[in-house]
mmCIF file of all heavy atoms, coordinates in Angstrom:
data_MODEL
# 
_entry.id   MODEL 
# 
loop_
_atom_site.group_PDB 
_atom_site.id 
_atom_site.type_symbol 
_atom_site.label_atom_id 
_atom_site.label_alt_id 
_atom_site.label_comp_id 
_atom_site.label_asym_id 
_atom_site.label_entity_id 
_atom_site.label_seq_id 
_atom_site.pdbx_PDB_ins_code 
_atom_site.Cartn_x 
_atom_site.Cartn_y 
_atom_site.Cartn_z 
_atom_site.occupancy 
_atom_site.B_iso_or_equiv 
_atom_site.pdbx_formal_charge 
_atom_site.auth_seq_id 
_atom_site.auth_comp_id 
_atom_site.auth_asym_id 
_atom_site.auth_atom_id 
_atom_site.pdbx_PDB_model_num 
ATOM 1   N N   . SER A 1 1  ? 58.924 130.749 182.315 1.00 0.00 ? 1  SER A N   1 
ATOM 2   C CA  . SER A 1 1  ? 58.155 129.765 181.504 1.00 0.00 ? 1  SER A CA  1 
ATOM 3   C C   . SER A 1 1  ? 59.147 128.739 180.896 1.00 0.00 ? 1  SER A C   1 
ATOM 4   O O   . SER A 1 1  ? 60.280 129.087 180.446 1.00 0.00 ? 1  SER A O   1 
ATOM 5   C CB  . SER A 1 1  ? 57.501 130.550 180.304 1.00 0.00 ? 1  SER A CB  1 
ATOM 6   O OG  . SER A 1 1  ? 56.793 129.685 179.479 1.00 0.00 ? 1  SER A OG  1 
ATOM 7   N N   . ILE A 1 2  ? 58.744 127.495 181.024 1.00 0.00 ? 2  ILE A N   1 
ATOM 8   C CA  . ILE A 1 2  ? 59.579 126.386 180.537 1.00 0.00 ? 2  ILE A CA  1 
ATOM 9   C C   . ILE A 1 2  ? 58.720 125.407 179.747 1.00 0.00 ? 2  ILE A C   1 
ATOM 10  O O   . ILE A 1 2  ? 57.508 125.525 179.741 1.00 0.00 ? 2  ILE A O   1 
ATOM 11  C CB  . ILE A 1 2  ? 60.231 125.618 181.674 1.00 0.00 ? 2  ILE A CB  1 
ATOM 12  C CG1 . ILE A 1 2  ? 59.161 125.021 182.644 1.00 0.00 ? 2  ILE A CG1 1 
ATOM 13  C CG2 . ILE A 1 2  ? 61.160 126.431 182.516 1.00 0.00 ? 2  ILE A CG2 1 
ATOM 14  C CD1 . ILE A 1 2  ? 59.684 124.033 183.607 1.00 0.00 ? 2  ILE A CD1 1 
ATOM 15  N N   . VAL A 1 3  ? 59.359 124.493 179.007 1.00 0.00 ? 3  VAL A N   1 
ATOM 16  C CA  . VAL A 1 3  ? 58.614 123.400 178.367 1.00 0.00 ? 3  VAL A CA  1 
ATOM 17  C C   . VAL A 1 3  ? 58.970 122.109 179.077 1.00 0.00 ? 3  VAL A C   1 
ATOM 18  O O   . VAL A 1 3  ? 60.100 121.705 179.282 1.00 0.00 ? 3  VAL A O   1 
ATOM 19  C CB  . VAL A 1 3  ? 59.034 123.305 176.883 1.00 0.00 ? 3  VAL A CB  1 
ATOM 20  C CG1 . VAL A 1 3  ? 58.295 122.093 176.217 1.00 0.00 ? 3  VAL A CG1 1 
ATOM 21  C CG2 . VAL A 1 3  ? 58.696 124.576 176.162 1.00 0.00 ? 3  VAL A CG2 1 
ATOM 22  N N   . ASN A 1 4  ? 57.898 121.393 179.463 1.00 0.00 ? 4  ASN A N   1 
ATOM 23  C CA  . ASN A 1 4  ? 58.031 120.156 180.269 1.00 0.00 ? 4  ASN A CA  1 
ATOM 24  C C   . ASN A 1 4  ? 58.163 118.985 179.206 1.00 0.00 ? 4  ASN A C   1 
ATOM 25  O O   . ASN A 1 4  ? 57.199 118.747 178.503 1.00 0.00 ? 4  ASN A O   1 
ATOM 26  C CB  . ASN A 1 4  ? 56.761 119.987 181.134 1.00 0.00 ? 4  ASN A CB  1 
ATOM 27  C CG  . ASN A 1 4  ? 56.874 118.755 182.114 1.00 0.00 ? 4  ASN A CG  1 
ATOM 28  O OD1 . ASN A 1 4  ? 57.745 117.919 181.950 1.00 0.00 ? 4  ASN A OD1 1 
ATOM 29  N ND2 . ASN A 1 4  ? 56.088 118.764 183.126 1.00 0.00 ? 4  ASN A ND2 1 
ATOM 30  N N   . TRP A 1 5  ? 59.315 118.302 179.342 1.00 0.00 ? 5  TRP A N   1 
ATOM 31  C CA  . TRP A 1 5  ? 59.519 117.129 178.468 1.00 0.00 ? 5  TRP A CA  1 
ATOM 32  C C   . TRP A 1 5  ? 59.579 115.753 179.186 1.00 0.00 ? 5  TRP A C   1 
ATOM 33  O O   . TRP A 1 5  ? 60.073 114.693 178.727 1.00 0.00 ? 5  TRP A O   1 
ATOM 34  C CB  . TRP A 1 5  ? 60.814 117.329 177.682 1.00 0.00 ? 5  TRP A CB  1 
ATOM 35  C CG  . TRP A 1 5  ? 60.652 118.161 176.432 1.00 0.00 ? 5  TRP A CG  1 
ATOM 36  C CD1 . TRP A 1 5  ? 61.057 119.503 176.385 1.00 0.00 ? 5  TRP A CD1 1 
ATOM 37  C CD2 . TRP A 1 5  ? 60.149 117.741 175.209 1.00 0.00 ? 5  TRP A CD2 1 
ATOM 38  N NE1 . TRP A 1 5  ? 60.734 119.896 175.078 1.00 0.00 ? 5  TRP A NE1 1 
ATOM 39  C CE2 . TRP A 1 5  ? 60.168 118.916 174.343 1.00 0.00 ? 5  TRP A CE2 1 
ATOM 40  C CE3 . TRP A 1 5  ? 59.650 116.602 174.670 1.00 0.00 ? 5  TRP A CE3 1 
ATOM 41  C CZ2 . TRP A 1 5  ? 59.747 118.848 173.025 1.00 0.00 ? 5  TRP A CZ2 1 
ATOM 42  C CZ3 . TRP A 1 5  ? 59.226 116.521 173.380 1.00 0.00 ? 5  TRP A CZ3 1 
ATOM 43  C CH2 . TRP A 1 5  ? 59.290 117.660 172.530 1.00 0.00 ? 5  TRP A CH2 1 
ATOM 44  N N   . CYS A 1 6  ? 59.115 115.790 180.452 1.00 0.00 ? 6  CYS A N   1 
ATOM 45  C CA  . CYS A 1 6  ? 59.209 114.569 181.229 1.00 0.00 ? 6  CYS A CA  1 
ATOM 46  C C   . CYS A 1 6  ? 57.959 114.209 181.968 1.00 0.00 ? 6  CYS A C   1 
ATOM 47  O O   . CYS A 1 6  ? 57.973 113.412 182.912 1.00 0.00 ? 6  CYS A O   1 
ATOM 48  C CB  . CYS A 1 6  ? 60.402 114.633 182.190 1.00 0.00 ? 6  CYS A CB  1 
ATOM 49  S SG  . CYS A 1 6  ? 60.355 116.011 183.433 1.00 0.00 ? 6  CYS A SG  1 
ATOM 50  N N   . SER A 1 7  ? 56.841 114.787 181.582 1.00 0.00 ? 7  SER A N   1 
ATOM 51  C CA  . SER A 1 7  ? 55.566 114.461 182.220 1.00 0.00 ? 7  SER A CA  1 
ATOM 52  C C   . SER A 1 7  ? 55.039 113.091 181.928 1.00 0.00 ? 7  SER A C   1 
ATOM 53  O O   . SER A 1 7  ? 55.184 112.637 180.792 1.00 0.00 ? 7  SER A O   1 
ATOM 54  C CB  . SER A 1 7  ? 54.561 115.507 181.832 1.00 0.00 ? 7  SER A CB  1 
ATOM 55  O OG  . SER A 1 7  ? 53.253 115.167 182.358 1.00 0.00 ? 7  SER A OG  1 
ATOM 56  N N   . ASN A 1 8  ? 54.486 112.439 182.890 1.00 0.00 ? 8  ASN A N   1 
ATOM 57  C CA  . ASN A 1 8  ? 53.747 111.164 182.631 1.00 0.00 ? 8  ASN A CA  1 
ATOM 58  C C   . ASN A 1 8  ? 52.273 111.383 182.248 1.00 0.00 ? 8  ASN A C   1 
ATOM 59  O O   . ASN A 1 8  ? 51.523 110.406 182.063 1.00 0.00 ? 8  ASN A O   1 
ATOM 60  C CB  . ASN A 1 8  ? 53.808 110.295 183.887 1.00 0.00 ? 8  ASN A CB  1 
ATOM 61  C CG  . ASN A 1 8  ? 55.211 109.629 183.981 1.00 0.00 ? 8  ASN A CG  1 
ATOM 62  O OD1 . ASN A 1 8  ? 55.904 109.460 183.029 1.00 0.00 ? 8  ASN A OD1 1 
ATOM 63  N ND2 . ASN A 1 8  ? 55.542 109.254 185.211 1.00 0.00 ? 8  ASN A ND2 1 
ATOM 64  N N   . ASP A 1 9  ? 51.823 112.622 182.116 1.00 0.00 ? 9  ASP A N   1 
ATOM 65  C CA  . ASP A 1 9  ? 50.457 112.903 181.600 1.00 0.00 ? 9  ASP A CA  1 
ATOM 66  C C   . ASP A 1 9  ? 50.599 112.734 180.091 1.00 0.00 ? 9  ASP A C   1 
ATOM 67  O O   . ASP A 1 9  ? 50.511 113.706 179.314 1.00 0.00 ? 9  ASP A O   1 
ATOM 68  C CB  . ASP A 1 9  ? 50.115 114.329 182.003 1.00 0.00 ? 9  ASP A CB  1 
ATOM 69  C CG  . ASP A 1 9  ? 48.620 114.643 181.663 1.00 0.00 ? 9  ASP A CG  1 
ATOM 70  O OD1 . ASP A 1 9  ? 47.904 113.739 181.109 1.00 0.00 ? 9  ASP A OD1 1 
ATOM 71  O OD2 . ASP A 1 9  ? 48.160 115.778 181.954 1.00 0.00 ? 9  ASP A OD2 1 
ATOM 72  N N   . TYR A 1 10 ? 50.817 111.535 179.649 1.00 0.00 ? 10 TYR A N   1 
ATOM 73  C CA  . TYR A 1 10 ? 51.239 111.177 178.311 1.00 0.00 ? 10 TYR A CA  1 
ATOM 74  C C   . TYR A 1 10 ? 50.294 111.743 177.170 1.00 0.00 ? 10 TYR A C   1 
ATOM 75  O O   . TYR A 1 10 ? 50.771 112.120 176.136 1.00 0.00 ? 10 TYR A O   1 
ATOM 76  C CB  . TYR A 1 10 ? 51.310 109.672 178.137 1.00 0.00 ? 10 TYR A CB  1 
ATOM 77  C CG  . TYR A 1 10 ? 52.408 108.996 178.935 1.00 0.00 ? 10 TYR A CG  1 
ATOM 78  C CD1 . TYR A 1 10 ? 52.120 107.877 179.697 1.00 0.00 ? 10 TYR A CD1 1 
ATOM 79  C CD2 . TYR A 1 10 ? 53.704 109.480 178.905 1.00 0.00 ? 10 TYR A CD2 1 
ATOM 80  C CE1 . TYR A 1 10 ? 53.106 107.269 180.452 1.00 0.00 ? 10 TYR A CE1 1 
ATOM 81  C CE2 . TYR A 1 10 ? 54.691 108.821 179.594 1.00 0.00 ? 10 TYR A CE2 1 
ATOM 82  C CZ  . TYR A 1 10 ? 54.437 107.714 180.355 1.00 0.00 ? 10 TYR A CZ  1 
ATOM 83  O OH  . TYR A 1 10 ? 55.385 107.065 181.111 1.00 0.00 ? 10 TYR A OH  1 
ATOM 84  N N   . LEU A 1 11 ? 48.976 111.760 177.468 1.00 0.00 ? 11 LEU A N   1 
ATOM 85  C CA  . LEU A 1 11 ? 48.026 112.204 176.463 1.00 0.00 ? 11 LEU A CA  1 
ATOM 86  C C   . LEU A 1 11 ? 47.436 113.563 176.800 1.00 0.00 ? 11 LEU A C   1 
ATOM 87  O O   . LEU A 1 11 ? 46.451 113.929 176.171 1.00 0.00 ? 11 LEU A O   1 
ATOM 88  C CB  . LEU A 1 11 ? 46.883 111.133 176.253 1.00 0.00 ? 11 LEU A CB  1 
ATOM 89  C CG  . LEU A 1 11 ? 47.372 109.739 175.862 1.00 0.00 ? 11 LEU A CG  1 
ATOM 90  C CD1 . LEU A 1 11 ? 46.177 108.766 175.755 1.00 0.00 ? 11 LEU A CD1 1 
ATOM 91  C CD2 . LEU A 1 11 ? 48.097 109.770 174.500 1.00 0.00 ? 11 LEU A CD2 1 
ATOM 92  N N   . CYS A 1 12 ? 47.958 114.212 177.749 1.00 0.00 ? 12 CYS A N   1 
ATOM 93  C CA  . CYS A 1 12 ? 47.542 115.521 178.186 1.00 0.00 ? 12 CYS A CA  1 
ATOM 94  C C   . CYS A 1 12 ? 46.068 115.512 178.632 1.00 0.00 ? 12 CYS A C   1 
ATOM 95  O O   . CYS A 1 12 ? 45.351 116.542 178.527 1.00 0.00 ? 12 CYS A O   1 
ATOM 96  C CB  . CYS A 1 12 ? 47.687 116.525 177.061 1.00 0.00 ? 12 CYS A CB  1 
ATOM 97  S SG  . CYS A 1 12 ? 49.355 116.497 176.230 1.00 0.00 ? 12 CYS A SG  1 
ATOM 98  N N   . MET A 1 13 ? 45.631 114.427 179.130 1.00 0.00 ? 13 MET A N   1 
ATOM 99  C CA  . MET A 1 13 ? 44.256 114.282 179.623 1.00 0.00 ? 13 MET A CA  1 
ATOM 100 C C   . MET A 1 13 ? 43.987 115.099 180.889 1.00 0.00 ? 13 MET A C   1 
ATOM 101 O O   . MET A 1 13 ? 42.851 115.452 181.193 1.00 0.00 ? 13 MET A O   1 
ATOM 102 C CB  . MET A 1 13 ? 43.848 112.836 179.864 1.00 0.00 ? 13 MET A CB  1 
ATOM 103 C CG  . MET A 1 13 ? 43.705 112.042 178.544 1.00 0.00 ? 13 MET A CG  1 
ATOM 104 S SD  . MET A 1 13 ? 42.547 112.721 177.348 1.00 0.00 ? 13 MET A SD  1 
ATOM 105 C CE  . MET A 1 13 ? 40.972 112.456 178.289 1.00 0.00 ? 13 MET A CE  1 
ATOM 106 N N   . GLY A 1 14 ? 45.012 115.443 181.563 1.00 0.00 ? 14 GLY A N   1 
ATOM 107 C CA  . GLY A 1 14 ? 44.879 116.393 182.755 1.00 0.00 ? 14 GLY A CA  1 
ATOM 108 C C   . GLY A 1 14 ? 44.415 117.782 182.284 1.00 0.00 ? 14 GLY A C   1 
ATOM 109 O O   . GLY A 1 14 ? 44.009 118.555 183.088 1.00 0.00 ? 14 GLY A O   1 
ATOM 110 N N   . GLN A 1 15 ? 44.531 118.068 180.999 1.00 0.00 ? 15 GLN A N   1 
ATOM 111 C CA  . GLN A 1 15 ? 44.083 119.331 180.404 1.00 0.00 ? 15 GLN A CA  1 
ATOM 112 C C   . GLN A 1 15 ? 42.698 119.247 179.672 1.00 0.00 ? 15 GLN A C   1 
ATOM 113 O O   . GLN A 1 15 ? 42.243 120.264 179.156 1.00 0.00 ? 15 GLN A O   1 
ATOM 114 C CB  . GLN A 1 15 ? 45.142 119.843 179.455 1.00 0.00 ? 15 GLN A CB  1 
ATOM 115 C CG  . GLN A 1 15 ? 46.597 119.955 179.990 1.00 0.00 ? 15 GLN A CG  1 
ATOM 116 C CD  . GLN A 1 15 ? 46.684 121.098 180.882 1.00 0.00 ? 15 GLN A CD  1 
ATOM 117 O OE1 . GLN A 1 15 ? 46.392 122.255 180.523 1.00 0.00 ? 15 GLN A OE1 1 
ATOM 118 N NE2 . GLN A 1 15 ? 47.146 120.900 182.132 1.00 0.00 ? 15 GLN A NE2 1 
ATOM 119 N N   . ASN A 1 16 ? 42.273 118.009 179.548 1.00 0.00 ? 16 ASN A N   1 
ATOM 120 C CA  . ASN A 1 16 ? 41.069 117.817 178.802 1.00 0.00 ? 16 ASN A CA  1 
ATOM 121 C C   . ASN A 1 16 ? 39.818 118.404 179.320 1.00 0.00 ? 16 ASN A C   1 
ATOM 122 O O   . ASN A 1 16 ? 39.467 118.305 180.542 1.00 0.00 ? 16 ASN A O   1 
ATOM 123 C CB  . ASN A 1 16 ? 40.809 116.248 178.625 1.00 0.00 ? 16 ASN A CB  1 
ATOM 124 C CG  . ASN A 1 16 ? 39.689 115.904 177.716 1.00 0.00 ? 16 ASN A CG  1 
ATOM 125 O OD1 . ASN A 1 16 ? 38.484 115.901 178.202 1.00 0.00 ? 16 ASN A OD1 1 
ATOM 126 N ND2 . ASN A 1 16 ? 39.952 115.608 176.484 1.00 0.00 ? 16 ASN A ND2 1 
ATOM 127 N N   . HIS A 1 17 ? 39.073 119.129 178.479 1.00 0.00 ? 17 HIS A N   1 
ATOM 128 C CA  . HIS A 1 17 ? 37.895 119.865 178.911 1.00 0.00 ? 17 HIS A CA  1 
ATOM 129 C C   . HIS A 1 17 ? 36.871 118.981 179.571 1.00 0.00 ? 17 HIS A C   1 
ATOM 130 O O   . HIS A 1 17 ? 36.253 119.351 180.611 1.00 0.00 ? 17 HIS A O   1 
ATOM 131 C CB  . HIS A 1 17 ? 37.251 120.616 177.715 1.00 0.00 ? 17 HIS A CB  1 
ATOM 132 C CG  . HIS A 1 17 ? 35.929 121.196 178.018 1.00 0.00 ? 17 HIS A CG  1 
ATOM 133 N ND1 . HIS A 1 17 ? 35.753 122.296 178.830 1.00 0.00 ? 17 HIS A ND1 1 
ATOM 134 C CD2 . HIS A 1 17 ? 34.727 120.802 177.609 1.00 0.00 ? 17 HIS A CD2 1 
ATOM 135 C CE1 . HIS A 1 17 ? 34.445 122.561 178.891 1.00 0.00 ? 17 HIS A CE1 1 
ATOM 136 N NE2 . HIS A 1 17 ? 33.767 121.700 178.166 1.00 0.00 ? 17 HIS A NE2 1 
ATOM 137 N N   . HIS A 1 18 ? 36.608 117.767 179.000 1.00 0.00 ? 18 HIS A N   1 
ATOM 138 C CA  . HIS A 1 18 ? 35.607 116.863 179.555 1.00 0.00 ? 18 HIS A CA  1 
ATOM 139 C C   . HIS A 1 18 ? 35.969 116.395 180.902 1.00 0.00 ? 18 HIS A C   1 
ATOM 140 O O   . HIS A 1 18 ? 35.118 116.300 181.848 1.00 0.00 ? 18 HIS A O   1 
ATOM 141 C CB  . HIS A 1 18 ? 35.451 115.732 178.602 1.00 0.00 ? 18 HIS A CB  1 
ATOM 142 C CG  . HIS A 1 18 ? 34.957 116.096 177.199 1.00 0.00 ? 18 HIS A CG  1 
ATOM 143 N ND1 . HIS A 1 18 ? 33.654 116.310 176.970 1.00 0.00 ? 18 HIS A ND1 1 
ATOM 144 C CD2 . HIS A 1 18 ? 35.689 116.250 176.112 1.00 0.00 ? 18 HIS A CD2 1 
ATOM 145 C CE1 . HIS A 1 18 ? 33.496 116.608 175.635 1.00 0.00 ? 18 HIS A CE1 1 
ATOM 146 N NE2 . HIS A 1 18 ? 34.694 116.597 175.124 1.00 0.00 ? 18 HIS A NE2 1 
ATOM 147 N N   . VAL A 1 19 ? 37.266 116.189 181.121 1.00 0.00 ? 19 VAL A N   1 
ATOM 148 C CA  . VAL A 1 19 ? 37.791 115.775 182.468 1.00 0.00 ? 19 VAL A CA  1 
ATOM 149 C C   . VAL A 1 19 ? 37.581 116.859 183.508 1.00 0.00 ? 19 VAL A C   1 
ATOM 150 O O   . VAL A 1 19 ? 37.097 116.643 184.638 1.00 0.00 ? 19 VAL A O   1 
ATOM 151 C CB  . VAL A 1 19 ? 39.239 115.280 182.339 1.00 0.00 ? 19 VAL A CB  1 
ATOM 152 C CG1 . VAL A 1 19 ? 39.817 114.987 183.785 1.00 0.00 ? 19 VAL A CG1 1 
ATOM 153 C CG2 . VAL A 1 19 ? 39.370 114.097 181.474 1.00 0.00 ? 19 VAL A CG2 1 
ATOM 154 N N   . ILE A 1 20 ? 38.027 118.004 183.147 1.00 0.00 ? 20 ILE A N   1 
ATOM 155 C CA  . ILE A 1 20 ? 37.961 119.153 184.130 1.00 0.00 ? 20 ILE A CA  1 
ATOM 156 C C   . ILE A 1 20 ? 36.530 119.555 184.430 1.00 0.00 ? 20 ILE A C   1 
ATOM 157 O O   . ILE A 1 20 ? 36.181 119.790 185.553 1.00 0.00 ? 20 ILE A O   1 
ATOM 158 C CB  . ILE A 1 20 ? 38.682 120.414 183.473 1.00 0.00 ? 20 ILE A CB  1 
ATOM 159 C CG1 . ILE A 1 20 ? 40.177 120.147 183.344 1.00 0.00 ? 20 ILE A CG1 1 
ATOM 160 C CG2 . ILE A 1 20 ? 38.440 121.652 184.311 1.00 0.00 ? 20 ILE A CG2 1 
ATOM 161 C CD1 . ILE A 1 20 ? 40.926 121.135 182.601 1.00 0.00 ? 20 ILE A CD1 1 
ATOM 162 N N   . THR A 1 21 ? 35.657 119.421 183.447 1.00 0.00 ? 21 THR A N   1 
ATOM 163 C CA  . THR A 1 21 ? 34.236 119.784 183.667 1.00 0.00 ? 21 THR A CA  1 
ATOM 164 C C   . THR A 1 21 ? 33.674 118.743 184.632 1.00 0.00 ? 21 THR A C   1 
ATOM 165 O O   . THR A 1 21 ? 32.839 119.078 185.481 1.00 0.00 ? 21 THR A O   1 
ATOM 166 C CB  . THR A 1 21 ? 33.480 119.854 182.299 1.00 0.00 ? 21 THR A CB  1 
ATOM 167 O OG1 . THR A 1 21 ? 34.029 120.854 181.503 1.00 0.00 ? 21 THR A OG1 1 
ATOM 168 C CG2 . THR A 1 21 ? 32.019 120.047 182.531 1.00 0.00 ? 21 THR A CG2 1 
ATOM 169 N N   . ALA A 1 22 ? 34.009 117.438 184.423 1.00 0.00 ? 22 ALA A N   1 
ATOM 170 C CA  . ALA A 1 22 ? 33.381 116.441 185.265 1.00 0.00 ? 22 ALA A CA  1 
ATOM 171 C C   . ALA A 1 22 ? 33.855 116.596 186.641 1.00 0.00 ? 22 ALA A C   1 
ATOM 172 O O   . ALA A 1 22 ? 33.083 116.399 187.549 1.00 0.00 ? 22 ALA A O   1 
ATOM 173 C CB  . ALA A 1 22 ? 33.888 115.043 184.718 1.00 0.00 ? 22 ALA A CB  1 
ATOM 174 N N   . MET A 1 23 ? 35.070 117.030 186.903 1.00 0.00 ? 23 MET A N   1 
ATOM 175 C CA  . MET A 1 23 ? 35.574 117.215 188.225 1.00 0.00 ? 23 MET A CA  1 
ATOM 176 C C   . MET A 1 23 ? 34.935 118.470 188.898 1.00 0.00 ? 23 MET A C   1 
ATOM 177 O O   . MET A 1 23 ? 34.602 118.433 190.078 1.00 0.00 ? 23 MET A O   1 
ATOM 178 C CB  . MET A 1 23 ? 37.126 117.379 188.214 1.00 0.00 ? 23 MET A CB  1 
ATOM 179 C CG  . MET A 1 23 ? 37.866 116.142 187.691 1.00 0.00 ? 23 MET A CG  1 
ATOM 180 S SD  . MET A 1 23 ? 39.663 116.332 187.818 1.00 0.00 ? 23 MET A SD  1 
ATOM 181 C CE  . MET A 1 23 ? 40.009 116.274 189.544 1.00 0.00 ? 23 MET A CE  1 
ATOM 182 N N   . GLN A 1 24 ? 34.764 119.501 188.129 1.00 0.00 ? 24 GLN A N   1 
ATOM 183 C CA  . GLN A 1 24 ? 34.098 120.697 188.703 1.00 0.00 ? 24 GLN A CA  1 
ATOM 184 C C   . GLN A 1 24 ? 32.631 120.372 189.042 1.00 0.00 ? 24 GLN A C   1 
ATOM 185 O O   . GLN A 1 24 ? 32.145 120.807 190.106 1.00 0.00 ? 24 GLN A O   1 
ATOM 186 C CB  . GLN A 1 24 ? 34.118 121.791 187.603 1.00 0.00 ? 24 GLN A CB  1 
ATOM 187 C CG  . GLN A 1 24 ? 35.538 122.407 187.420 1.00 0.00 ? 24 GLN A CG  1 
ATOM 188 C CD  . GLN A 1 24 ? 35.610 123.333 186.213 1.00 0.00 ? 24 GLN A CD  1 
ATOM 189 O OE1 . GLN A 1 24 ? 34.763 123.259 185.265 1.00 0.00 ? 24 GLN A OE1 1 
ATOM 190 N NE2 . GLN A 1 24 ? 36.551 124.295 186.218 1.00 0.00 ? 24 GLN A NE2 1 
ATOM 191 N N   . THR A 1 25 ? 31.957 119.662 188.223 1.00 0.00 ? 25 THR A N   1 
ATOM 192 C CA  . THR A 1 25 ? 30.600 119.230 188.512 1.00 0.00 ? 25 THR A CA  1 
ATOM 193 C C   . THR A 1 25 ? 30.476 118.402 189.737 1.00 0.00 ? 25 THR A C   1 
ATOM 194 O O   . THR A 1 25 ? 29.679 118.637 190.698 1.00 0.00 ? 25 THR A O   1 
ATOM 195 C CB  . THR A 1 25 ? 29.962 118.469 187.325 1.00 0.00 ? 25 THR A CB  1 
ATOM 196 O OG1 . THR A 1 25 ? 30.032 119.329 186.146 1.00 0.00 ? 25 THR A OG1 1 
ATOM 197 C CG2 . THR A 1 25 ? 28.533 118.053 187.591 1.00 0.00 ? 25 THR A CG2 1 
ATOM 198 N N   . ALA A 1 26 ? 31.388 117.500 189.894 1.00 0.00 ? 26 ALA A N   1 
ATOM 199 C CA  . ALA A 1 26 ? 31.399 116.586 191.094 1.00 0.00 ? 26 ALA A CA  1 
ATOM 200 C C   . ALA A 1 26 ? 31.832 117.379 192.327 1.00 0.00 ? 26 ALA A C   1 
ATOM 201 O O   . ALA A 1 26 ? 31.171 117.099 193.390 1.00 0.00 ? 26 ALA A O   1 
ATOM 202 C CB  . ALA A 1 26 ? 32.402 115.460 190.915 1.00 0.00 ? 26 ALA A CB  1 
ATOM 203 N N   . LEU A 1 27 ? 32.643 118.271 192.210 1.00 0.00 ? 27 LEU A N   1 
ATOM 204 C CA  . LEU A 1 27 ? 33.108 119.141 193.401 1.00 0.00 ? 27 LEU A CA  1 
ATOM 205 C C   . LEU A 1 27 ? 31.870 119.960 193.879 1.00 0.00 ? 27 LEU A C   1 
ATOM 206 O O   . LEU A 1 27 ? 31.584 120.016 195.094 1.00 0.00 ? 27 LEU A O   1 
ATOM 207 C CB  . LEU A 1 27 ? 34.192 120.068 192.987 1.00 0.00 ? 27 LEU A CB  1 
ATOM 208 C CG  . LEU A 1 27 ? 34.728 120.979 194.099 1.00 0.00 ? 27 LEU A CG  1 
ATOM 209 C CD1 . LEU A 1 27 ? 35.295 120.231 195.268 1.00 0.00 ? 27 LEU A CD1 1 
ATOM 210 C CD2 . LEU A 1 27 ? 35.728 121.978 193.553 1.00 0.00 ? 27 LEU A CD2 1 
ATOM 211 N N   . ASP A 1 28 ? 31.153 120.498 192.931 1.00 0.00 ? 28 ASP A N   1 
ATOM 212 C CA  . ASP A 1 28 ? 29.904 121.251 193.376 1.00 0.00 ? 28 ASP A CA  1 
ATOM 213 C C   . ASP A 1 28 ? 28.860 120.343 193.996 1.00 0.00 ? 28 ASP A C   1 
ATOM 214 O O   . ASP A 1 28 ? 28.131 120.771 194.866 1.00 0.00 ? 28 ASP A O   1 
ATOM 215 C CB  . ASP A 1 28 ? 29.340 121.989 192.141 1.00 0.00 ? 28 ASP A CB  1 
ATOM 216 C CG  . ASP A 1 28 ? 30.194 123.105 191.674 1.00 0.00 ? 28 ASP A CG  1 
ATOM 217 O OD1 . ASP A 1 28 ? 31.059 123.611 192.425 1.00 0.00 ? 28 ASP A OD1 1 
ATOM 218 O OD2 . ASP A 1 28 ? 30.067 123.468 190.485 1.00 0.00 ? 28 ASP A OD2 1 
# 
């Protein structure tokens, strides 16, 4: 386990529930 200090996911939107749900819905 490490801590990432160089990600360009600046606002952590890759982890956002609304984003993930939208992608899962579109995939289905």
